[in-house]
Structure formats: C-alpha cells, structure tokens
Amino acid sequence: TMAGMLGQDMTEVTLCIPYAESKLAA
C-alpha cells in the first residue's frame, strides 16, 4: 500500500545523455 501511494507521482522515462554530461548519468 505504501509503494502504491508513493508511486502515484512517479514516472518511467528513457533518456539519452551525451557523453560530455556523463556526471548526470552517474
């Protein structure tokens, strides 16, 4: 129940992060 209520404002995304910004991926 906690997971369901906390997951209401969560989303799944796919990102393409340039190698120059690898710190963002980390």
mmCIF file of all heavy atoms, coordinates in Angstrom:
data_MODEL
# 
_entry.id   MODEL 
# 
loop_
_atom_site.group_PDB 
_atom_site.id 
_atom_site.type_symbol 
_atom_site.label_atom_id 
_atom_site.label_alt_id 
_atom_site.label_comp_id 
_atom_site.label_asym_id 
_atom_site.label_entity_id 
_atom_site.label_seq_id 
_atom_site.pdbx_PDB_ins_code 
_atom_site.Cartn_x 
_atom_site.Cartn_y 
_atom_site.Cartn_z 
_atom_site.occupancy 
_atom_site.B_iso_or_equiv 
_atom_site.pdbx_formal_charge 
_atom_site.auth_seq_id 
_atom_site.auth_comp_id 
_atom_site.auth_asym_id 
_atom_site.auth_atom_id 
_atom_site.pdbx_PDB_model_num 
ATOM 1   N N   . THR A 1 1  ? 0.829  -1.206 0.000   1.00 0.00 ? 1  THR A N   1 
ATOM 2   C CA  . THR A 1 1  ? 0.000  0.000  0.000   1.00 0.00 ? 1  THR A CA  1 
ATOM 3   C C   . THR A 1 1  ? 0.863  1.256  0.000   1.00 0.00 ? 1  THR A C   1 
ATOM 4   O O   . THR A 1 1  ? 0.575  2.223  -0.708  1.00 0.00 ? 1  THR A O   1 
ATOM 5   C CB  . THR A 1 1  ? -0.939 -0.001 1.218   1.00 0.00 ? 1  THR A CB  1 
ATOM 6   O OG1 . THR A 1 1  ? -1.698 -1.212 1.240   1.00 0.00 ? 1  THR A OG1 1 
ATOM 7   C CG2 . THR A 1 1  ? -1.894 1.185  1.163   1.00 0.00 ? 1  THR A CG2 1 
ATOM 8   N N   . MET A 1 2  ? 1.928  1.248  0.785   1.00 0.00 ? 2  MET A N   1 
ATOM 9   C CA  . MET A 1 2  ? 2.839  2.391  0.819   1.00 0.00 ? 2  MET A CA  1 
ATOM 10  C C   . MET A 1 2  ? 3.470  2.610  -0.555  1.00 0.00 ? 2  MET A C   1 
ATOM 11  O O   . MET A 1 2  ? 3.557  3.752  -1.038  1.00 0.00 ? 2  MET A O   1 
ATOM 12  C CB  . MET A 1 2  ? 3.923  2.177  1.870   1.00 0.00 ? 2  MET A CB  1 
ATOM 13  C CG  . MET A 1 2  ? 3.428  2.242  3.304   1.00 0.00 ? 2  MET A CG  1 
ATOM 14  S SD  . MET A 1 2  ? 4.693  1.758  4.523   1.00 0.00 ? 2  MET A SD  1 
ATOM 15  C CE  . MET A 1 2  ? 5.993  2.948  4.167   1.00 0.00 ? 2  MET A CE  1 
ATOM 16  N N   . ALA A 1 3  ? 3.904  1.524  -1.195  1.00 0.00 ? 3  ALA A N   1 
ATOM 17  C CA  . ALA A 1 3  ? 4.524  1.640  -2.515  1.00 0.00 ? 3  ALA A CA  1 
ATOM 18  C C   . ALA A 1 3  ? 3.543  2.214  -3.523  1.00 0.00 ? 3  ALA A C   1 
ATOM 19  O O   . ALA A 1 3  ? 3.901  3.057  -4.360  1.00 0.00 ? 3  ALA A O   1 
ATOM 20  C CB  . ALA A 1 3  ? 5.026  0.271  -2.978  1.00 0.00 ? 3  ALA A CB  1 
ATOM 21  N N   . GLY A 1 4  ? 2.277  1.786  -3.446  1.00 0.00 ? 4  GLY A N   1 
ATOM 22  C CA  . GLY A 1 4  ? 1.272  2.290  -4.371  1.00 0.00 ? 4  GLY A CA  1 
ATOM 23  C C   . GLY A 1 4  ? 0.999  3.770  -4.184  1.00 0.00 ? 4  GLY A C   1 
ATOM 24  O O   . GLY A 1 4  ? 0.884  4.519  -5.158  1.00 0.00 ? 4  GLY A O   1 
ATOM 25  N N   . MET A 1 5  ? 0.903  4.214  -2.930  1.00 0.00 ? 5  MET A N   1 
ATOM 26  C CA  . MET A 1 5  ? 0.615  5.626  -2.662  1.00 0.00 ? 5  MET A CA  1 
ATOM 27  C C   . MET A 1 5  ? 1.811  6.514  -3.005  1.00 0.00 ? 5  MET A C   1 
ATOM 28  O O   . MET A 1 5  ? 1.646  7.624  -3.496  1.00 0.00 ? 5  MET A O   1 
ATOM 29  C CB  . MET A 1 5  ? 0.210  5.803  -1.196  1.00 0.00 ? 5  MET A CB  1 
ATOM 30  C CG  . MET A 1 5  ? -1.092 5.098  -0.837  1.00 0.00 ? 5  MET A CG  1 
ATOM 31  S SD  . MET A 1 5  ? -1.620 5.367  0.882   1.00 0.00 ? 5  MET A SD  1 
ATOM 32  C CE  . MET A 1 5  ? -2.092 7.109  0.828   1.00 0.00 ? 5  MET A CE  1 
ATOM 33  N N   . LEU A 1 6  ? 3.027  6.011  -2.759  1.00 0.00 ? 6  LEU A N   1 
ATOM 34  C CA  . LEU A 1 6  ? 4.217  6.798  -3.085  1.00 0.00 ? 6  LEU A CA  1 
ATOM 35  C C   . LEU A 1 6  ? 4.475  6.839  -4.588  1.00 0.00 ? 6  LEU A C   1 
ATOM 36  O O   . LEU A 1 6  ? 5.081  7.776  -5.095  1.00 0.00 ? 6  LEU A O   1 
ATOM 37  C CB  . LEU A 1 6  ? 5.445  6.224  -2.374  1.00 0.00 ? 6  LEU A CB  1 
ATOM 38  C CG  . LEU A 1 6  ? 5.523  6.448  -0.873  1.00 0.00 ? 6  LEU A CG  1 
ATOM 39  C CD1 . LEU A 1 6  ? 6.688  5.672  -0.281  1.00 0.00 ? 6  LEU A CD1 1 
ATOM 40  C CD2 . LEU A 1 6  ? 5.663  7.930  -0.549  1.00 0.00 ? 6  LEU A CD2 1 
ATOM 41  N N   . GLY A 1 7  ? 4.016  5.820  -5.302  1.00 0.00 ? 7  GLY A N   1 
ATOM 42  C CA  . GLY A 1 7  ? 4.286  5.744  -6.735  1.00 0.00 ? 7  GLY A CA  1 
ATOM 43  C C   . GLY A 1 7  ? 3.346  6.545  -7.600  1.00 0.00 ? 7  GLY A C   1 
ATOM 44  O O   . GLY A 1 7  ? 3.489  6.558  -8.828  1.00 0.00 ? 7  GLY A O   1 
ATOM 45  N N   . GLN A 1 8  ? 2.388  7.241  -6.989  1.00 0.00 ? 8  GLN A N   1 
ATOM 46  C CA  . GLN A 1 8  ? 1.405  7.985  -7.765  1.00 0.00 ? 8  GLN A CA  1 
ATOM 47  C C   . GLN A 1 8  ? 2.025  9.136  -8.547  1.00 0.00 ? 8  GLN A C   1 
ATOM 48  O O   . GLN A 1 8  ? 1.514  9.517  -9.598  1.00 0.00 ? 8  GLN A O   1 
ATOM 49  C CB  . GLN A 1 8  ? 0.294  8.505  -6.848  1.00 0.00 ? 8  GLN A CB  1 
ATOM 50  C CG  . GLN A 1 8  ? -0.580 7.393  -6.274  1.00 0.00 ? 8  GLN A CG  1 
ATOM 51  C CD  . GLN A 1 8  ? -1.646 7.915  -5.329  1.00 0.00 ? 8  GLN A CD  1 
ATOM 52  O OE1 . GLN A 1 8  ? -1.682 9.093  -4.998  1.00 0.00 ? 8  GLN A OE1 1 
ATOM 53  N NE2 . GLN A 1 8  ? -2.518 7.024  -4.889  1.00 0.00 ? 8  GLN A NE2 1 
ATOM 54  N N   . ASP A 1 9  ? 3.099  9.714  -8.050  1.00 0.00 ? 9  ASP A N   1 
ATOM 55  C CA  . ASP A 1 9  ? 3.736  10.824 -8.766  1.00 0.00 ? 9  ASP A CA  1 
ATOM 56  C C   . ASP A 1 9  ? 5.065  10.408 -9.380  1.00 0.00 ? 9  ASP A C   1 
ATOM 57  O O   . ASP A 1 9  ? 5.934  11.227 -9.653  1.00 0.00 ? 9  ASP A O   1 
ATOM 58  C CB  . ASP A 1 9  ? 3.940  12.027 -7.847  1.00 0.00 ? 9  ASP A CB  1 
ATOM 59  C CG  . ASP A 1 9  ? 4.933  11.747 -6.728  1.00 0.00 ? 9  ASP A CG  1 
ATOM 60  O OD1 . ASP A 1 9  ? 5.184  10.553 -6.470  1.00 0.00 ? 9  ASP A OD1 1 
ATOM 61  O OD2 . ASP A 1 9  ? 5.439  12.707 -6.139  1.00 0.00 ? 9  ASP A OD2 1 
ATOM 62  N N   . MET A 1 10 ? 5.219  9.078  -9.621  1.00 0.00 ? 10 MET A N   1 
ATOM 63  C CA  . MET A 1 10 ? 6.429  8.568  -10.260 1.00 0.00 ? 10 MET A CA  1 
ATOM 64  C C   . MET A 1 10 ? 6.150  8.263  -11.731 1.00 0.00 ? 10 MET A C   1 
ATOM 65  O O   . MET A 1 10 ? 5.012  8.006  -12.130 1.00 0.00 ? 10 MET A O   1 
ATOM 66  C CB  . MET A 1 10 ? 6.904  7.296  -9.554  1.00 0.00 ? 10 MET A CB  1 
ATOM 67  C CG  . MET A 1 10 ? 7.227  7.477  -8.075  1.00 0.00 ? 10 MET A CG  1 
ATOM 68  S SD  . MET A 1 10 ? 8.682  8.492  -7.774  1.00 0.00 ? 10 MET A SD  1 
ATOM 69  C CE  . MET A 1 10 ? 9.971  7.313  -8.201  1.00 0.00 ? 10 MET A CE  1 
ATOM 70  N N   . THR A 1 11 ? 7.177  8.311  -12.536 1.00 0.00 ? 11 THR A N   1 
ATOM 71  C CA  . THR A 1 11 ? 7.041  8.013  -13.954 1.00 0.00 ? 11 THR A CA  1 
ATOM 72  C C   . THR A 1 11 ? 8.291  7.304  -14.461 1.00 0.00 ? 11 THR A C   1 
ATOM 73  O O   . THR A 1 11 ? 9.366  7.427  -13.866 1.00 0.00 ? 11 THR A O   1 
ATOM 74  C CB  . THR A 1 11 ? 6.802  9.303  -14.766 1.00 0.00 ? 11 THR A CB  1 
ATOM 75  O OG1 . THR A 1 11 ? 6.557  8.971  -16.129 1.00 0.00 ? 11 THR A OG1 1 
ATOM 76  C CG2 . THR A 1 11 ? 8.010  10.224 -14.690 1.00 0.00 ? 11 THR A CG2 1 
ATOM 77  N N   . GLU A 1 12 ? 8.139  6.572  -15.536 1.00 0.00 ? 12 GLU A N   1 
ATOM 78  C CA  . GLU A 1 12 ? 9.248  5.848  -16.148 1.00 0.00 ? 12 GLU A CA  1 
ATOM 79  C C   . GLU A 1 12 ? 9.626  6.541  -17.451 1.00 0.00 ? 12 GLU A C   1 
ATOM 80  O O   . GLU A 1 12 ? 8.770  6.781  -18.305 1.00 0.00 ? 12 GLU A O   1 
ATOM 81  C CB  . GLU A 1 12 ? 8.841  4.398  -16.416 1.00 0.00 ? 12 GLU A CB  1 
ATOM 82  C CG  . GLU A 1 12 ? 9.983  3.494  -16.845 1.00 0.00 ? 12 GLU A CG  1 
ATOM 83  C CD  . GLU A 1 12 ? 9.556  2.044  -16.973 1.00 0.00 ? 12 GLU A CD  1 
ATOM 84  O OE1 . GLU A 1 12 ? 9.111  1.478  -15.947 1.00 0.00 ? 12 GLU A OE1 1 
ATOM 85  O OE2 . GLU A 1 12 ? 9.648  1.491  -18.088 1.00 0.00 ? 12 GLU A OE2 1 
ATOM 86  N N   . VAL A 1 13 ? 10.900 6.895  -17.611 1.00 0.00 ? 13 VAL A N   1 
ATOM 87  C CA  . VAL A 1 13 ? 11.350 7.647  -18.788 1.00 0.00 ? 13 VAL A CA  1 
ATOM 88  C C   . VAL A 1 13 ? 12.615 7.023  -19.364 1.00 0.00 ? 13 VAL A C   1 
ATOM 89  O O   . VAL A 1 13 ? 13.342 6.304  -18.672 1.00 0.00 ? 13 VAL A O   1 
ATOM 90  C CB  . VAL A 1 13 ? 11.626 9.123  -18.440 1.00 0.00 ? 13 VAL A CB  1 
ATOM 91  C CG1 . VAL A 1 13 ? 10.363 9.826  -17.965 1.00 0.00 ? 13 VAL A CG1 1 
ATOM 92  C CG2 . VAL A 1 13 ? 12.711 9.235  -17.381 1.00 0.00 ? 13 VAL A CG2 1 
ATOM 93  N N   . THR A 1 14 ? 12.834 7.313  -20.636 1.00 0.00 ? 14 THR A N   1 
ATOM 94  C CA  . THR A 1 14 ? 14.071 6.906  -21.308 1.00 0.00 ? 14 THR A CA  1 
ATOM 95  C C   . THR A 1 14 ? 14.817 8.159  -21.727 1.00 0.00 ? 14 THR A C   1 
ATOM 96  O O   . THR A 1 14 ? 14.259 9.040  -22.394 1.00 0.00 ? 14 THR A O   1 
ATOM 97  C CB  . THR A 1 14 ? 13.765 6.043  -22.543 1.00 0.00 ? 14 THR A CB  1 
ATOM 98  O OG1 . THR A 1 14 ? 13.036 4.875  -22.138 1.00 0.00 ? 14 THR A OG1 1 
ATOM 99  C CG2 . THR A 1 14 ? 15.053 5.616  -23.227 1.00 0.00 ? 14 THR A CG2 1 
ATOM 100 N N   . LEU A 1 15 ? 16.068 8.267  -21.320 1.00 0.00 ? 15 LEU A N   1 
ATOM 101 C CA  . LEU A 1 15 ? 16.879 9.459  -21.570 1.00 0.00 ? 15 LEU A CA  1 
ATOM 102 C C   . LEU A 1 15 ? 18.102 9.092  -22.402 1.00 0.00 ? 15 LEU A C   1 
ATOM 103 O O   . LEU A 1 15 ? 18.650 7.990  -22.264 1.00 0.00 ? 15 LEU A O   1 
ATOM 104 C CB  . LEU A 1 15 ? 17.336 10.083 -20.255 1.00 0.00 ? 15 LEU A CB  1 
ATOM 105 C CG  . LEU A 1 15 ? 16.259 10.364 -19.195 1.00 0.00 ? 15 LEU A CG  1 
ATOM 106 C CD1 . LEU A 1 15 ? 16.908 10.804 -17.892 1.00 0.00 ? 15 LEU A CD1 1 
ATOM 107 C CD2 . LEU A 1 15 ? 15.285 11.427 -19.693 1.00 0.00 ? 15 LEU A CD2 1 
ATOM 108 N N   . CYS A 1 16 ? 18.510 10.033 -23.234 1.00 0.00 ? 16 CYS A N   1 
ATOM 109 C CA  . CYS A 1 16 ? 19.772 9.890  -23.969 1.00 0.00 ? 16 CYS A CA  1 
ATOM 110 C C   . CYS A 1 16 ? 20.694 11.009 -23.501 1.00 0.00 ? 16 CYS A C   1 
ATOM 111 O O   . CYS A 1 16 ? 20.501 12.184 -23.837 1.00 0.00 ? 16 CYS A O   1 
ATOM 112 C CB  . CYS A 1 16 ? 19.538 9.988  -25.479 1.00 0.00 ? 16 CYS A CB  1 
ATOM 113 S SG  . CYS A 1 16 ? 21.049 9.728  -26.448 1.00 0.00 ? 16 CYS A SG  1 
ATOM 114 N N   . ILE A 1 17 ? 21.691 10.632 -22.701 1.00 0.00 ? 17 ILE A N   1 
ATOM 115 C CA  . ILE A 1 17 ? 22.571 11.620 -22.087 1.00 0.00 ? 17 ILE A CA  1 
ATOM 116 C C   . ILE A 1 17 ? 23.907 11.635 -22.831 1.00 0.00 ? 17 ILE A C   1 
ATOM 117 O O   . ILE A 1 17 ? 24.580 10.597 -22.943 1.00 0.00 ? 17 ILE A O   1 
ATOM 118 C CB  . ILE A 1 17 ? 22.795 11.275 -20.600 1.00 0.00 ? 17 ILE A CB  1 
ATOM 119 C CG1 . ILE A 1 17 ? 21.444 11.239 -19.875 1.00 0.00 ? 17 ILE A CG1 1 
ATOM 120 C CG2 . ILE A 1 17 ? 23.731 12.270 -19.954 1.00 0.00 ? 17 ILE A CG2 1 
ATOM 121 C CD1 . ILE A 1 17 ? 21.531 10.796 -18.446 1.00 0.00 ? 17 ILE A CD1 1 
ATOM 122 N N   . PRO A 1 18 ? 24.309 12.797 -23.367 1.00 0.00 ? 18 PRO A N   1 
ATOM 123 C CA  . PRO A 1 18 ? 25.596 12.885 -24.090 1.00 0.00 ? 18 PRO A CA  1 
ATOM 124 C C   . PRO A 1 18 ? 26.764 12.480 -23.194 1.00 0.00 ? 18 PRO A C   1 
ATOM 125 O O   . PRO A 1 18 ? 26.730 12.668 -21.975 1.00 0.00 ? 18 PRO A O   1 
ATOM 126 C CB  . PRO A 1 18 ? 25.660 14.375 -24.463 1.00 0.00 ? 18 PRO A CB  1 
ATOM 127 C CG  . PRO A 1 18 ? 24.249 14.858 -24.416 1.00 0.00 ? 18 PRO A CG  1 
ATOM 128 C CD  . PRO A 1 18 ? 23.579 14.073 -23.335 1.00 0.00 ? 18 PRO A CD  1 
ATOM 129 N N   . TYR A 1 19 ? 27.788 11.940 -23.806 1.00 0.00 ? 19 TYR A N   1 
ATOM 130 C CA  . TYR A 1 19 ? 28.957 11.503 -23.036 1.00 0.00 ? 19 TYR A CA  1 
ATOM 131 C C   . TYR A 1 19 ? 29.627 12.671 -22.315 1.00 0.00 ? 19 TYR A C   1 
ATOM 132 O O   . TYR A 1 19 ? 30.257 12.489 -21.272 1.00 0.00 ? 19 TYR A O   1 
ATOM 133 C CB  . TYR A 1 19 ? 29.954 10.801 -23.958 1.00 0.00 ? 19 TYR A CB  1 
ATOM 134 C CG  . TYR A 1 19 ? 29.490 9.437  -24.406 1.00 0.00 ? 19 TYR A CG  1 
ATOM 135 C CD1 . TYR A 1 19 ? 29.141 9.193  -25.738 1.00 0.00 ? 19 TYR A CD1 1 
ATOM 136 C CD2 . TYR A 1 19 ? 29.403 8.387  -23.503 1.00 0.00 ? 19 TYR A CD2 1 
ATOM 137 C CE1 . TYR A 1 19 ? 28.710 7.942  -26.146 1.00 0.00 ? 19 TYR A CE1 1 
ATOM 138 C CE2 . TYR A 1 19 ? 28.980 7.123  -23.902 1.00 0.00 ? 19 TYR A CE2 1 
ATOM 139 C CZ  . TYR A 1 19 ? 28.624 6.909  -25.227 1.00 0.00 ? 19 TYR A CZ  1 
ATOM 140 O OH  . TYR A 1 19 ? 28.189 5.667  -25.619 1.00 0.00 ? 19 TYR A OH  1 
ATOM 141 N N   . ALA A 1 20 ? 29.478 13.864 -22.876 1.00 0.00 ? 20 ALA A N   1 
ATOM 142 C CA  . ALA A 1 20 ? 30.067 15.047 -22.236 1.00 0.00 ? 20 ALA A CA  1 
ATOM 143 C C   . ALA A 1 20 ? 29.417 15.352 -20.898 1.00 0.00 ? 20 ALA A C   1 
ATOM 144 O O   . ALA A 1 20 ? 29.978 16.080 -20.073 1.00 0.00 ? 20 ALA A O   1 
ATOM 145 C CB  . ALA A 1 20 ? 29.942 16.256 -23.167 1.00 0.00 ? 20 ALA A CB  1 
ATOM 146 N N   . GLU A 1 21 ? 28.204 14.808 -20.661 1.00 0.00 ? 21 GLU A N   1 
ATOM 147 C CA  . GLU A 1 21 ? 27.484 15.031 -19.404 1.00 0.00 ? 21 GLU A CA  1 
ATOM 148 C C   . GLU A 1 21 ? 27.323 13.715 -18.658 1.00 0.00 ? 21 GLU A C   1 
ATOM 149 O O   . GLU A 1 21 ? 26.277 13.433 -18.076 1.00 0.00 ? 21 GLU A O   1 
ATOM 150 C CB  . GLU A 1 21 ? 26.127 15.667 -19.698 1.00 0.00 ? 21 GLU A CB  1 
ATOM 151 C CG  . GLU A 1 21 ? 26.234 17.001 -20.425 1.00 0.00 ? 21 GLU A CG  1 
ATOM 152 C CD  . GLU A 1 21 ? 24.870 17.625 -20.669 1.00 0.00 ? 21 GLU A CD  1 
ATOM 153 O OE1 . GLU A 1 21 ? 24.052 17.629 -19.719 1.00 0.00 ? 21 GLU A OE1 1 
ATOM 154 O OE2 . GLU A 1 21 ? 24.627 18.097 -21.786 1.00 0.00 ? 21 GLU A OE2 1 
ATOM 155 N N   . SER A 1 22 ? 28.349 12.916 -18.662 1.00 0.00 ? 22 SER A N   1 
ATOM 156 C CA  . SER A 1 22 ? 28.290 11.602 -18.021 1.00 0.00 ? 22 SER A CA  1 
ATOM 157 C C   . SER A 1 22 ? 28.047 11.698 -16.515 1.00 0.00 ? 22 SER A C   1 
ATOM 158 O O   . SER A 1 22 ? 27.528 10.749 -15.901 1.00 0.00 ? 22 SER A O   1 
ATOM 159 C CB  . SER A 1 22 ? 29.587 10.830 -18.279 1.00 0.00 ? 22 SER A CB  1 
ATOM 160 O OG  . SER A 1 22 ? 30.712 11.581 -17.808 1.00 0.00 ? 22 SER A OG  1 
ATOM 161 N N   . LYS A 1 23 ? 28.388 12.836 -15.908 1.00 0.00 ? 23 LYS A N   1 
ATOM 162 C CA  . LYS A 1 23 ? 28.137 13.005 -14.478 1.00 0.00 ? 23 LYS A CA  1 
ATOM 163 C C   . LYS A 1 23 ? 26.638 12.959 -14.176 1.00 0.00 ? 23 LYS A C   1 
ATOM 164 O O   . LYS A 1 23 ? 26.221 12.503 -13.109 1.00 0.00 ? 23 LYS A O   1 
ATOM 165 C CB  . LYS A 1 23 ? 28.735 14.330 -13.978 1.00 0.00 ? 23 LYS A CB  1 
ATOM 166 C CG  . LYS A 1 23 ? 30.255 14.337 -13.920 1.00 0.00 ? 23 LYS A CG  1 
ATOM 167 C CD  . LYS A 1 23 ? 30.758 15.644 -13.331 1.00 0.00 ? 23 LYS A CD  1 
ATOM 168 C CE  . LYS A 1 23 ? 32.287 15.642 -13.227 1.00 0.00 ? 23 LYS A CE  1 
ATOM 169 N NZ  . LYS A 1 23 ? 32.804 16.897 -12.637 1.00 0.00 ? 23 LYS A NZ  1 
ATOM 170 N N   . LEU A 1 24 ? 25.836 13.439 -15.140 1.00 0.00 ? 24 LEU A N   1 
ATOM 171 C CA  . LEU A 1 24 ? 24.385 13.393 -14.962 1.00 0.00 ? 24 LEU A CA  1 
ATOM 172 C C   . LEU A 1 24 ? 23.898 11.953 -14.919 1.00 0.00 ? 24 LEU A C   1 
ATOM 173 O O   . LEU A 1 24 ? 23.042 11.595 -14.101 1.00 0.00 ? 24 LEU A O   1 
ATOM 174 C CB  . LEU A 1 24 ? 23.698 14.157 -16.100 1.00 0.00 ? 24 LEU A CB  1 
ATOM 175 C CG  . LEU A 1 24 ? 22.173 14.107 -16.121 1.00 0.00 ? 24 LEU A CG  1 
ATOM 176 C CD1 . LEU A 1 24 ? 21.596 14.661 -14.823 1.00 0.00 ? 24 LEU A CD1 1 
ATOM 177 C CD2 . LEU A 1 24 ? 21.633 14.886 -17.322 1.00 0.00 ? 24 LEU A CD2 1 
ATOM 178 N N   . ALA A 1 25 ? 24.443 11.114 -15.779 1.00 0.00 ? 25 ALA A N   1 
ATOM 179 C CA  . ALA A 1 25 ? 24.082 9.695  -15.781 1.00 0.00 ? 25 ALA A CA  1 
ATOM 180 C C   . ALA A 1 25 ? 24.449 9.041  -14.455 1.00 0.00 ? 25 ALA A C   1 
ATOM 181 O O   . ALA A 1 25 ? 23.707 8.200  -13.925 1.00 0.00 ? 25 ALA A O   1 
ATOM 182 C CB  . ALA A 1 25 ? 24.758 8.989  -16.940 1.00 0.00 ? 25 ALA A CB  1 
ATOM 183 N N   . ALA A 1 26 ? 25.602 9.413  -13.916 1.00 0.00 ? 26 ALA A N   1 
ATOM 184 C CA  . ALA A 1 26 ? 26.026 8.863  -12.633 1.00 0.00 ? 26 ALA A CA  1 
ATOM 185 C C   . ALA A 1 26 ? 25.099 9.316  -11.508 1.00 0.00 ? 26 ALA A C   1 
ATOM 186 O O   . ALA A 1 26 ? 24.782 8.549  -10.593 1.00 0.00 ? 26 ALA A O   1 
ATOM 187 C CB  . ALA A 1 26 ? 27.464 9.276  -12.337 1.00 0.00 ? 26 ALA A CB  1 
# 
